[in-house]
Amino acid sequence: MRKIVVLTFVSLDGVMQAPGGPEEDTSGGFKYGGWTYPYFDEVMGSVMGEQMGMPFDLLLGRKTYDIFAAYWPKQDPAALATVPFNKATKYVVSGSSPKLTWEKSVLIEGDVAAKLKELKQQDGPMLQVHGSGKLIQTLLKNDLVDELWLKIFPIMLGKGKRLFAEGTIPAAFELTEFKASPSGVIVANYRRSGEVKTGSFA
């Protein structure tokens, strides 16, 4: 059985939009693209290297796929950062039947939740989700997220696309790993662990 793991850069107020650069996603008038850049340090580099060094395939929404497909195939094919992205099978969720030009790309359309449940039952490496805010809402709504690997940045952005938006359902998670970088980024990994429990201190 395969796990779906969501890897997300997120601000203190829950925004995940355009962490990588000014022009990555300006929808809604978002003007803070590239907000993660000032906080990257050796610890963050080590964390990302470790997570990208594990065997994985990619599960992406259409917009993130287009960004990745325009970048990774053009990089040095022998570079350590490039190899895992080009090697991975890319499962792309879209309702518009796009032409997928990146090698080893597979379109998922129609009943997305049912098809992803089937995909999870297959043998293979974990399915890493990067970006793909709209897809993440579908995953959360259908309880398909097995783990959240969050990088929480010491900044508030006020507005923008949020990680926990309209797809969020009540769910409990267990903290499996955490650390803080010198720049103040909290790296926290969570595993789905059951239902929300309530009680009283009285």
N, C-alpha and C. Protein backbone atom coordinates (compact mmCIF):
# COMPACT_ATOMS: atom_id res chain seq x y z
N MET A 1 0.84 -1.19 0.00
CA MET A 1 0.00 0.00 0.00
C MET A 1 0.88 1.25 0.00
N ARG A 2 0.48 2.23 -0.77
CA ARG A 2 1.28 3.45 -0.91
C ARG A 2 0.71 4.55 -0.01
N LYS A 3 1.61 5.38 0.52
CA LYS A 3 1.19 6.51 1.33
C LYS A 3 1.14 7.78 0.48
N ILE A 4 0.19 8.65 0.79
CA ILE A 4 0.17 9.99 0.22
C ILE A 4 0.72 10.94 1.27
N VAL A 5 1.82 11.61 0.94
CA VAL A 5 2.51 12.50 1.86
C VAL A 5 2.49 13.91 1.28
N VAL A 6 1.93 14.85 2.04
CA VAL A 6 1.85 16.24 1.60
C VAL A 6 3.04 17.00 2.19
N LEU A 7 3.90 17.52 1.32
CA LEU A 7 5.05 18.33 1.74
C LEU A 7 4.71 19.79 1.44
N THR A 8 4.65 20.62 2.48
CA THR A 8 4.17 21.98 2.26
C THR A 8 4.98 22.99 3.06
N PHE A 9 5.32 24.10 2.40
CA PHE A 9 5.82 25.29 3.07
C PHE A 9 4.59 26.11 3.46
N VAL A 10 4.51 26.52 4.72
CA VAL A 10 3.31 27.22 5.17
C VAL A 10 3.69 28.34 6.14
N SER A 11 2.99 29.46 6.04
CA SER A 11 3.23 30.58 6.95
C SER A 11 2.53 30.34 8.28
N LEU A 12 2.79 31.17 9.26
CA LEU A 12 2.15 31.02 10.56
C LEU A 12 0.63 31.13 10.48
N ASP A 13 0.15 31.91 9.52
CA ASP A 13 -1.30 32.05 9.37
C ASP A 13 -1.86 31.12 8.29
N GLY A 14 -1.11 30.08 7.93
CA GLY A 14 -1.65 29.00 7.12
C GLY A 14 -1.58 29.18 5.63
N VAL A 15 -0.87 30.21 5.13
CA VAL A 15 -0.80 30.45 3.69
C VAL A 15 0.30 29.59 3.07
N MET A 16 -0.03 28.98 1.92
CA MET A 16 0.95 28.14 1.22
C MET A 16 1.23 28.65 -0.20
N GLN A 17 0.63 29.75 -0.58
CA GLN A 17 0.70 30.23 -1.97
C GLN A 17 2.08 30.77 -2.32
N ALA A 18 2.58 30.38 -3.49
CA ALA A 18 3.78 30.94 -4.12
C ALA A 18 4.98 31.05 -3.19
N PRO A 19 5.42 29.95 -2.57
CA PRO A 19 6.59 30.05 -1.70
C PRO A 19 7.90 30.20 -2.46
N GLY A 20 7.91 29.80 -3.74
CA GLY A 20 9.18 29.67 -4.44
C GLY A 20 9.68 30.87 -5.22
N GLY A 21 8.79 31.80 -5.60
CA GLY A 21 9.25 32.93 -6.41
C GLY A 21 8.15 33.93 -6.68
N PRO A 22 8.51 35.16 -7.05
CA PRO A 22 7.54 36.24 -7.23
C PRO A 22 6.47 35.96 -8.27
N GLU A 23 6.80 35.21 -9.32
CA GLU A 23 5.84 34.98 -10.41
C GLU A 23 5.22 33.59 -10.35
N GLU A 24 5.45 32.87 -9.28
CA GLU A 24 4.98 31.47 -9.20
C GLU A 24 3.46 31.39 -9.24
N ASP A 25 2.78 32.24 -8.47
CA ASP A 25 1.31 32.25 -8.45
C ASP A 25 0.85 33.60 -7.91
N THR A 26 0.47 34.48 -8.81
CA THR A 26 0.03 35.83 -8.41
C THR A 26 -1.49 35.95 -8.38
N SER A 27 -2.20 34.83 -8.51
CA SER A 27 -3.66 34.88 -8.52
C SER A 27 -4.19 35.50 -7.24
N GLY A 28 -5.32 36.22 -7.38
CA GLY A 28 -5.89 36.91 -6.23
C GLY A 28 -5.11 38.13 -5.82
N GLY A 29 -4.20 38.58 -6.69
CA GLY A 29 -3.39 39.75 -6.37
C GLY A 29 -2.29 39.47 -5.35
N PHE A 30 -1.91 38.20 -5.20
CA PHE A 30 -0.88 37.84 -4.21
C PHE A 30 0.46 38.42 -4.63
N LYS A 31 1.10 39.15 -3.73
CA LYS A 31 2.33 39.88 -4.08
C LYS A 31 3.54 39.51 -3.22
N TYR A 32 3.46 38.40 -2.51
CA TYR A 32 4.56 38.02 -1.63
C TYR A 32 5.26 36.75 -2.09
N GLY A 33 5.15 36.41 -3.38
CA GLY A 33 5.77 35.21 -3.89
C GLY A 33 7.27 35.16 -3.59
N GLY A 34 7.74 33.99 -3.18
CA GLY A 34 9.14 33.83 -2.81
C GLY A 34 9.41 34.10 -1.34
N TRP A 35 8.37 34.02 -0.52
CA TRP A 35 8.49 34.39 0.90
C TRP A 35 9.33 33.42 1.71
N THR A 36 9.63 32.23 1.18
CA THR A 36 10.47 31.28 1.92
C THR A 36 11.96 31.60 1.79
N TYR A 37 12.33 32.32 0.74
CA TYR A 37 13.74 32.49 0.38
C TYR A 37 14.62 32.99 1.53
N PRO A 38 14.22 34.04 2.29
CA PRO A 38 15.11 34.56 3.32
C PRO A 38 15.38 33.60 4.47
N TYR A 39 14.62 32.52 4.56
CA TYR A 39 14.72 31.63 5.71
C TYR A 39 15.43 30.32 5.42
N PHE A 40 15.88 30.12 4.19
CA PHE A 40 16.57 28.88 3.88
C PHE A 40 17.99 28.91 4.42
N ASP A 41 18.37 27.86 5.14
CA ASP A 41 19.70 27.75 5.73
C ASP A 41 20.16 26.30 5.60
N GLU A 42 21.26 25.96 6.24
CA GLU A 42 21.82 24.62 6.10
C GLU A 42 20.88 23.54 6.62
N VAL A 43 20.18 23.82 7.70
CA VAL A 43 19.24 22.84 8.25
C VAL A 43 18.12 22.57 7.26
N MET A 44 17.56 23.63 6.68
CA MET A 44 16.50 23.46 5.70
C MET A 44 17.01 22.69 4.48
N GLY A 45 18.23 23.00 4.05
CA GLY A 45 18.81 22.28 2.92
C GLY A 45 18.98 20.80 3.23
N SER A 46 19.38 20.50 4.46
CA SER A 46 19.57 19.11 4.86
C SER A 46 18.23 18.37 4.91
N VAL A 47 17.21 19.03 5.46
CA VAL A 47 15.88 18.42 5.54
C VAL A 47 15.33 18.11 4.16
N MET A 48 15.42 19.10 3.27
CA MET A 48 14.91 18.90 1.92
C MET A 48 15.69 17.81 1.19
N GLY A 49 17.00 17.79 1.39
CA GLY A 49 17.82 16.75 0.76
C GLY A 49 17.43 15.36 1.23
N GLU A 50 17.16 15.23 2.53
CA GLU A 50 16.75 13.94 3.08
C GLU A 50 15.40 13.51 2.53
N GLN A 51 14.44 14.42 2.49
CA GLN A 51 13.10 14.07 2.03
C GLN A 51 13.06 13.79 0.53
N MET A 52 13.88 14.50 -0.23
CA MET A 52 13.93 14.26 -1.67
C MET A 52 14.79 13.05 -2.01
N GLY A 53 15.58 12.59 -1.03
CA GLY A 53 16.43 11.43 -1.27
C GLY A 53 15.73 10.10 -1.08
N MET A 54 14.50 10.14 -0.57
CA MET A 54 13.72 8.92 -0.39
C MET A 54 13.06 8.53 -1.71
N PRO A 55 12.79 7.24 -1.92
CA PRO A 55 12.06 6.84 -3.14
C PRO A 55 10.66 7.45 -3.12
N PHE A 56 10.26 8.05 -4.22
CA PHE A 56 8.92 8.64 -4.29
C PHE A 56 8.47 8.78 -5.73
N ASP A 57 7.15 8.80 -5.91
CA ASP A 57 6.52 9.29 -7.13
C ASP A 57 5.82 10.59 -6.77
N LEU A 58 5.37 11.32 -7.77
CA LEU A 58 4.74 12.61 -7.55
C LEU A 58 3.24 12.54 -7.82
N LEU A 59 2.47 13.21 -6.97
CA LEU A 59 1.04 13.40 -7.17
C LEU A 59 0.81 14.90 -7.19
N LEU A 60 0.40 15.44 -8.34
CA LEU A 60 0.38 16.88 -8.53
C LEU A 60 -0.92 17.36 -9.14
N GLY A 61 -1.30 18.58 -8.77
CA GLY A 61 -2.36 19.27 -9.49
C GLY A 61 -1.82 19.83 -10.79
N ARG A 62 -2.72 20.25 -11.66
CA ARG A 62 -2.32 20.69 -13.00
C ARG A 62 -1.37 21.90 -12.96
N LYS A 63 -1.66 22.89 -12.14
CA LYS A 63 -0.84 24.11 -12.12
C LYS A 63 0.58 23.81 -11.65
N THR A 64 0.71 23.03 -10.58
CA THR A 64 2.04 22.68 -10.08
C THR A 64 2.77 21.82 -11.10
N TYR A 65 2.06 20.91 -11.74
CA TYR A 65 2.69 20.08 -12.78
C TYR A 65 3.28 20.97 -13.87
N ASP A 66 2.53 21.96 -14.33
CA ASP A 66 3.02 22.84 -15.39
C ASP A 66 4.29 23.57 -14.96
N ILE A 67 4.32 24.02 -13.70
CA ILE A 67 5.51 24.71 -13.18
C ILE A 67 6.70 23.76 -13.16
N PHE A 68 6.50 22.56 -12.64
CA PHE A 68 7.59 21.57 -12.54
C PHE A 68 8.05 21.13 -13.93
N ALA A 69 7.08 20.90 -14.84
CA ALA A 69 7.42 20.40 -16.17
C ALA A 69 8.18 21.43 -16.99
N ALA A 70 7.99 22.69 -16.67
CA ALA A 70 8.73 23.76 -17.37
C ALA A 70 10.13 23.96 -16.80
N TYR A 71 10.39 23.34 -15.65
CA TYR A 71 11.67 23.59 -14.97
C TYR A 71 12.57 22.35 -14.93
N TRP A 72 12.10 21.26 -14.33
CA TRP A 72 12.99 20.15 -14.03
C TRP A 72 13.58 19.45 -15.25
N PRO A 73 12.86 19.25 -16.34
CA PRO A 73 13.48 18.59 -17.50
C PRO A 73 14.60 19.41 -18.14
N LYS A 74 14.66 20.69 -17.83
CA LYS A 74 15.67 21.56 -18.43
C LYS A 74 16.93 21.69 -17.56
N GLN A 75 16.91 21.09 -16.37
CA GLN A 75 18.05 21.17 -15.48
C GLN A 75 19.07 20.07 -15.80
N ASP A 76 20.26 20.18 -15.23
CA ASP A 76 21.30 19.19 -15.43
C ASP A 76 20.76 17.81 -15.04
N PRO A 77 20.65 16.88 -15.97
CA PRO A 77 20.03 15.58 -15.68
C PRO A 77 20.81 14.75 -14.67
N ALA A 78 22.06 15.11 -14.44
CA ALA A 78 22.88 14.34 -13.50
C ALA A 78 22.91 14.97 -12.11
N ALA A 79 22.33 16.14 -11.94
CA ALA A 79 22.36 16.83 -10.65
C ALA A 79 21.54 16.07 -9.62
N LEU A 80 22.02 16.08 -8.36
CA LEU A 80 21.37 15.33 -7.30
C LEU A 80 19.92 15.78 -7.10
N ALA A 81 19.65 17.07 -7.25
CA ALA A 81 18.29 17.57 -7.05
C ALA A 81 17.38 17.23 -8.22
N THR A 82 17.95 17.05 -9.38
CA THR A 82 17.16 16.84 -10.59
C THR A 82 16.71 15.40 -10.76
N VAL A 83 17.60 14.48 -10.47
CA VAL A 83 17.37 13.07 -10.77
C VAL A 83 16.05 12.54 -10.21
N PRO A 84 15.75 12.74 -8.91
CA PRO A 84 14.52 12.12 -8.38
C PRO A 84 13.25 12.66 -9.01
N PHE A 85 13.22 13.93 -9.40
CA PHE A 85 12.02 14.50 -10.01
C PHE A 85 11.80 13.95 -11.41
N ASN A 86 12.85 13.85 -12.19
CA ASN A 86 12.70 13.33 -13.54
C ASN A 86 12.48 11.81 -13.54
N LYS A 87 13.01 11.13 -12.54
CA LYS A 87 12.87 9.68 -12.44
C LYS A 87 11.47 9.28 -12.00
N ALA A 88 10.84 10.10 -11.17
CA ALA A 88 9.54 9.76 -10.58
C ALA A 88 8.45 9.66 -11.64
N THR A 89 7.47 8.79 -11.39
CA THR A 89 6.23 8.83 -12.16
C THR A 89 5.40 9.99 -11.63
N LYS A 90 4.85 10.79 -12.55
CA LYS A 90 4.08 11.96 -12.16
C LYS A 90 2.60 11.69 -12.41
N TYR A 91 1.82 11.57 -11.35
CA TYR A 91 0.38 11.41 -11.46
C TYR A 91 -0.25 12.78 -11.37
N VAL A 92 -0.95 13.18 -12.42
CA VAL A 92 -1.44 14.55 -12.55
C VAL A 92 -2.96 14.56 -12.51
N VAL A 93 -3.52 15.27 -11.55
CA VAL A 93 -4.97 15.37 -11.40
C VAL A 93 -5.45 16.63 -12.13
N SER A 94 -6.33 16.42 -13.11
CA SER A 94 -6.85 17.55 -13.89
C SER A 94 -8.18 17.16 -14.52
N GLY A 95 -9.05 18.15 -14.64
CA GLY A 95 -10.33 17.92 -15.29
C GLY A 95 -10.38 18.41 -16.72
N SER A 96 -9.24 18.86 -17.24
CA SER A 96 -9.22 19.47 -18.58
C SER A 96 -8.51 18.62 -19.63
N SER A 97 -8.16 17.38 -19.30
CA SER A 97 -7.50 16.46 -20.24
C SER A 97 -6.29 17.10 -20.94
N PRO A 98 -5.34 17.64 -20.17
CA PRO A 98 -4.19 18.30 -20.78
C PRO A 98 -3.23 17.31 -21.44
N LYS A 99 -2.42 17.80 -22.36
CA LYS A 99 -1.35 17.00 -22.93
C LYS A 99 -0.16 17.06 -21.98
N LEU A 100 0.29 15.92 -21.51
CA LEU A 100 1.37 15.86 -20.53
C LEU A 100 2.68 15.53 -21.24
N THR A 101 3.58 16.47 -21.26
CA THR A 101 4.81 16.33 -22.04
C THR A 101 6.00 15.83 -21.24
N TRP A 102 5.94 15.90 -19.93
CA TRP A 102 7.05 15.47 -19.09
C TRP A 102 7.08 13.95 -19.06
N GLU A 103 8.26 13.38 -19.21
CA GLU A 103 8.42 11.93 -19.24
C GLU A 103 7.82 11.27 -18.00
N LYS A 104 7.17 10.13 -18.20
CA LYS A 104 6.57 9.33 -17.13
C LYS A 104 5.44 10.08 -16.42
N SER A 105 4.58 10.74 -17.19
CA SER A 105 3.42 11.44 -16.64
C SER A 105 2.14 10.66 -16.92
N VAL A 106 1.27 10.58 -15.92
CA VAL A 106 0.03 9.82 -16.00
C VAL A 106 -1.12 10.73 -15.58
N LEU A 107 -2.14 10.85 -16.41
CA LEU A 107 -3.29 11.70 -16.12
C LEU A 107 -4.31 10.97 -15.26
N ILE A 108 -4.81 11.65 -14.23
CA ILE A 108 -5.90 11.14 -13.41
C ILE A 108 -7.07 12.11 -13.53
N GLU A 109 -8.20 11.63 -14.04
CA GLU A 109 -9.38 12.48 -14.20
C GLU A 109 -10.62 11.65 -13.91
N GLY A 110 -11.77 12.28 -13.93
CA GLY A 110 -13.01 11.57 -13.62
C GLY A 110 -13.24 11.53 -12.12
N ASP A 111 -13.50 10.35 -11.58
CA ASP A 111 -13.71 10.19 -10.14
C ASP A 111 -12.34 10.12 -9.47
N VAL A 112 -11.81 11.31 -9.16
CA VAL A 112 -10.44 11.41 -8.66
C VAL A 112 -10.27 10.66 -7.35
N ALA A 113 -11.18 10.84 -6.42
CA ALA A 113 -11.05 10.20 -5.11
C ALA A 113 -10.98 8.68 -5.25
N ALA A 114 -11.86 8.10 -6.06
CA ALA A 114 -11.87 6.65 -6.24
C ALA A 114 -10.57 6.17 -6.89
N LYS A 115 -10.09 6.91 -7.87
CA LYS A 115 -8.87 6.50 -8.57
C LYS A 115 -7.64 6.62 -7.67
N LEU A 116 -7.63 7.62 -6.80
CA LEU A 116 -6.51 7.75 -5.88
C LEU A 116 -6.54 6.67 -4.81
N LYS A 117 -7.72 6.27 -4.39
CA LYS A 117 -7.82 5.15 -3.45
C LYS A 117 -7.27 3.88 -4.08
N GLU A 118 -7.57 3.67 -5.35
CA GLU A 118 -7.03 2.51 -6.06
C GLU A 118 -5.51 2.60 -6.17
N LEU A 119 -5.02 3.81 -6.48
CA LEU A 119 -3.58 4.01 -6.63
C LEU A 119 -2.86 3.73 -5.31
N LYS A 120 -3.47 4.12 -4.20
CA LYS A 120 -2.86 3.87 -2.90
C LYS A 120 -2.76 2.38 -2.59
N GLN A 121 -3.62 1.58 -3.15
CA GLN A 121 -3.62 0.14 -2.89
C GLN A 121 -2.52 -0.58 -3.67
N GLN A 122 -1.92 0.08 -4.63
CA GLN A 122 -0.89 -0.54 -5.45
C GLN A 122 0.46 -0.55 -4.73
N ASP A 123 1.36 -1.38 -5.21
CA ASP A 123 2.72 -1.38 -4.71
C ASP A 123 3.49 -0.22 -5.34
N GLY A 124 4.42 0.33 -4.59
CA GLY A 124 5.24 1.42 -5.12
C GLY A 124 5.68 2.35 -4.01
N PRO A 125 6.50 3.33 -4.34
CA PRO A 125 6.98 4.28 -3.33
C PRO A 125 5.88 5.24 -2.91
N MET A 126 6.17 6.03 -1.91
CA MET A 126 5.23 7.04 -1.46
C MET A 126 4.88 8.00 -2.59
N LEU A 127 3.71 8.61 -2.48
CA LEU A 127 3.27 9.63 -3.43
C LEU A 127 3.43 10.99 -2.75
N GLN A 128 4.41 11.76 -3.19
CA GLN A 128 4.65 13.07 -2.60
C GLN A 128 3.83 14.13 -3.32
N VAL A 129 3.17 14.98 -2.53
CA VAL A 129 2.39 16.09 -3.06
C VAL A 129 3.14 17.38 -2.75
N HIS A 130 3.50 18.12 -3.78
CA HIS A 130 4.15 19.42 -3.63
C HIS A 130 3.21 20.49 -4.20
N GLY A 131 3.13 21.65 -3.53
CA GLY A 131 2.23 22.69 -4.03
C GLY A 131 0.82 22.13 -4.10
N SER A 132 0.17 22.34 -5.26
CA SER A 132 -1.10 21.66 -5.57
C SER A 132 -2.19 21.93 -4.53
N GLY A 133 -2.40 23.21 -4.23
CA GLY A 133 -3.35 23.58 -3.19
C GLY A 133 -4.75 23.06 -3.41
N LYS A 134 -5.25 23.13 -4.63
CA LYS A 134 -6.59 22.64 -4.92
C LYS A 134 -6.67 21.13 -4.75
N LEU A 135 -5.67 20.42 -5.22
CA LEU A 135 -5.63 18.97 -5.05
C LEU A 135 -5.61 18.59 -3.58
N ILE A 136 -4.85 19.32 -2.77
CA ILE A 136 -4.76 19.02 -1.35
C ILE A 136 -6.14 19.08 -0.70
N GLN A 137 -6.97 20.03 -1.14
CA GLN A 137 -8.33 20.12 -0.57
C GLN A 137 -9.13 18.86 -0.88
N THR A 138 -8.97 18.33 -2.08
CA THR A 138 -9.63 17.08 -2.45
C THR A 138 -9.12 15.93 -1.60
N LEU A 139 -7.82 15.88 -1.37
CA LEU A 139 -7.22 14.82 -0.56
C LEU A 139 -7.72 14.89 0.88
N LEU A 140 -7.74 16.10 1.45
CA LEU A 140 -8.20 16.26 2.83
C LEU A 140 -9.68 15.88 2.96
N LYS A 141 -10.49 16.36 2.03
CA LYS A 141 -11.93 16.12 2.07
C LYS A 141 -12.25 14.63 2.04
N ASN A 142 -11.44 13.87 1.33
CA ASN A 142 -11.68 12.42 1.18
C ASN A 142 -10.80 11.58 2.09
N ASP A 143 -10.14 12.23 3.06
CA ASP A 143 -9.32 11.54 4.05
C ASP A 143 -8.27 10.65 3.40
N LEU A 144 -7.56 11.21 2.42
CA LEU A 144 -6.57 10.45 1.68
C LEU A 144 -5.13 10.81 2.07
N VAL A 145 -4.95 11.77 2.96
CA VAL A 145 -3.61 12.19 3.37
C VAL A 145 -3.13 11.30 4.51
N ASP A 146 -2.03 10.61 4.29
CA ASP A 146 -1.46 9.75 5.33
C ASP A 146 -0.49 10.50 6.23
N GLU A 147 0.27 11.42 5.64
CA GLU A 147 1.24 12.19 6.42
C GLU A 147 1.33 13.61 5.91
N LEU A 148 1.61 14.53 6.83
CA LEU A 148 1.88 15.92 6.51
C LEU A 148 3.32 16.23 6.92
N TRP A 149 4.13 16.66 5.98
CA TRP A 149 5.50 17.08 6.28
C TRP A 149 5.54 18.59 6.08
N LEU A 150 5.44 19.32 7.18
CA LEU A 150 5.27 20.76 7.12
C LEU A 150 6.58 21.49 7.45
N LYS A 151 6.77 22.59 6.76
CA LYS A 151 7.82 23.55 7.12
C LYS A 151 7.11 24.86 7.43
N ILE A 152 7.08 25.22 8.71
CA ILE A 152 6.29 26.35 9.17
C ILE A 152 7.21 27.55 9.35
N PHE A 153 6.99 28.58 8.54
CA PHE A 153 7.88 29.73 8.49
C PHE A 153 7.41 30.84 9.42
N PRO A 154 8.35 31.57 10.05
CA PRO A 154 8.00 32.60 11.03
C PRO A 154 7.56 33.90 10.37
N ILE A 155 6.46 33.82 9.64
CA ILE A 155 5.97 34.98 8.91
C ILE A 155 4.46 34.84 8.75
N MET A 156 3.76 35.98 8.78
CA MET A 156 2.33 35.99 8.49
C MET A 156 2.11 36.78 7.20
N LEU A 157 1.28 36.25 6.32
CA LEU A 157 1.09 36.84 4.99
C LEU A 157 -0.27 37.52 4.83
N GLY A 158 -1.18 37.25 5.73
CA GLY A 158 -2.44 37.98 5.73
C GLY A 158 -3.49 37.43 4.79
N LYS A 159 -3.10 37.17 3.56
CA LYS A 159 -4.03 36.60 2.60
C LYS A 159 -3.28 35.68 1.66
N GLY A 160 -4.03 34.87 0.93
CA GLY A 160 -3.44 33.92 0.01
C GLY A 160 -4.09 32.55 0.16
N LYS A 161 -3.72 31.63 -0.69
CA LYS A 161 -4.28 30.28 -0.64
C LYS A 161 -3.77 29.57 0.61
N ARG A 162 -4.70 28.94 1.31
CA ARG A 162 -4.37 28.33 2.59
C ARG A 162 -4.31 26.80 2.50
N LEU A 163 -3.43 26.24 3.31
CA LEU A 163 -3.28 24.79 3.34
C LEU A 163 -4.55 24.13 3.84
N PHE A 164 -5.07 24.60 4.95
CA PHE A 164 -6.28 24.00 5.52
C PHE A 164 -7.45 24.91 5.18
N ALA A 165 -8.06 24.62 4.05
CA ALA A 165 -9.14 25.47 3.53
C ALA A 165 -10.42 24.66 3.48
N GLU A 166 -11.15 24.76 2.35
CA GLU A 166 -12.50 24.18 2.30
C GLU A 166 -12.52 22.66 2.32
N GLY A 167 -11.38 22.01 2.10
CA GLY A 167 -11.37 20.55 2.13
C GLY A 167 -11.14 19.94 3.50
N THR A 168 -10.84 20.77 4.49
CA THR A 168 -10.44 20.26 5.80
C THR A 168 -11.59 19.58 6.53
N ILE A 169 -11.32 18.39 7.04
CA ILE A 169 -12.29 17.65 7.85
C ILE A 169 -11.68 17.40 9.23
N PRO A 170 -12.50 17.10 10.24
CA PRO A 170 -11.93 16.75 11.55
C PRO A 170 -11.07 15.49 11.43
N ALA A 171 -9.84 15.55 11.92
CA ALA A 171 -8.92 14.41 11.84
C ALA A 171 -7.80 14.62 12.84
N ALA A 172 -7.35 13.55 13.44
CA ALA A 172 -6.24 13.63 14.39
C ALA A 172 -4.95 13.18 13.71
N PHE A 173 -3.85 13.82 14.10
CA PHE A 173 -2.52 13.47 13.58
C PHE A 173 -1.55 13.31 14.75
N GLU A 174 -0.57 12.46 14.54
CA GLU A 174 0.47 12.20 15.54
C GLU A 174 1.78 12.81 15.06
N LEU A 175 2.44 13.58 15.92
CA LEU A 175 3.73 14.17 15.59
C LEU A 175 4.79 13.08 15.59
N THR A 176 5.49 12.92 14.47
CA THR A 176 6.49 11.85 14.36
C THR A 176 7.92 12.37 14.33
N GLU A 177 8.10 13.64 13.98
CA GLU A 177 9.45 14.21 13.91
C GLU A 177 9.35 15.72 13.91
N PHE A 178 10.28 16.39 14.58
CA PHE A 178 10.28 17.84 14.52
C PHE A 178 11.68 18.38 14.81
N LYS A 179 11.95 19.56 14.29
CA LYS A 179 13.19 20.28 14.57
C LYS A 179 12.97 21.73 14.17
N ALA A 180 13.85 22.59 14.65
CA ALA A 180 13.78 24.01 14.28
C ALA A 180 15.10 24.41 13.64
N SER A 181 15.02 25.21 12.59
CA SER A 181 16.22 25.69 11.91
C SER A 181 16.69 26.99 12.57
N PRO A 182 17.95 27.36 12.38
CA PRO A 182 18.45 28.62 12.94
C PRO A 182 17.66 29.85 12.50
N SER A 183 17.06 29.78 11.32
CA SER A 183 16.29 30.92 10.81
C SER A 183 14.88 30.97 11.37
N GLY A 184 14.50 29.97 12.18
CA GLY A 184 13.20 30.00 12.83
C GLY A 184 12.13 29.16 12.17
N VAL A 185 12.49 28.35 11.17
CA VAL A 185 11.52 27.48 10.52
C VAL A 185 11.34 26.22 11.37
N ILE A 186 10.09 25.86 11.64
CA ILE A 186 9.78 24.63 12.36
C ILE A 186 9.46 23.54 11.33
N VAL A 187 10.21 22.46 11.39
CA VAL A 187 9.96 21.30 10.54
C VAL A 187 9.20 20.28 11.37
N ALA A 188 7.98 19.98 10.97
CA ALA A 188 7.13 19.08 11.76
C ALA A 188 6.45 18.08 10.85
N ASN A 189 6.65 16.80 11.13
CA ASN A 189 6.02 15.72 10.36
C ASN A 189 4.91 15.09 11.20
N TYR A 190 3.76 14.89 10.58
CA TYR A 190 2.61 14.33 11.27
C TYR A 190 2.08 13.12 10.50
N ARG A 191 1.57 12.13 11.26
CA ARG A 191 0.97 10.94 10.68
C ARG A 191 -0.50 10.86 11.10
N ARG A 192 -1.37 10.55 10.14
CA ARG A 192 -2.80 10.40 10.43
C ARG A 192 -2.98 9.33 11.50
N SER A 193 -3.78 9.65 12.54
CA SER A 193 -3.83 8.75 13.69
C SER A 193 -5.22 8.50 14.24
N GLY A 194 -6.26 8.77 13.49
CA GLY A 194 -7.59 8.44 13.99
C GLY A 194 -8.52 9.63 14.03
N GLU A 195 -9.49 9.56 14.93
CA GLU A 195 -10.52 10.58 15.01
C GLU A 195 -10.18 11.62 16.06
N VAL A 196 -10.83 12.77 15.96
CA VAL A 196 -10.64 13.83 16.96
C VAL A 196 -11.31 13.42 18.26
N LYS A 197 -10.57 13.51 19.37
CA LYS A 197 -11.11 13.19 20.68
C LYS A 197 -11.38 14.47 21.46
N THR A 198 -12.45 14.49 22.20
CA THR A 198 -12.79 15.65 23.01
C THR A 198 -12.96 15.24 24.46
N GLY A 199 -12.97 16.22 25.34
CA GLY A 199 -13.13 15.94 26.75
C GLY A 199 -13.31 17.23 27.52
N SER A 200 -13.15 17.16 28.81
CA SER A 200 -13.32 18.33 29.66
C SER A 200 -12.32 18.27 30.79
N PHE A 201 -11.83 19.44 31.22
CA PHE A 201 -10.93 19.52 32.36
C PHE A 201 -11.69 19.63 33.67
N ALA A 202 -13.01 19.79 33.55
CA ALA A 202 -13.82 19.97 34.78
C ALA A 202 -13.99 18.64 35.49
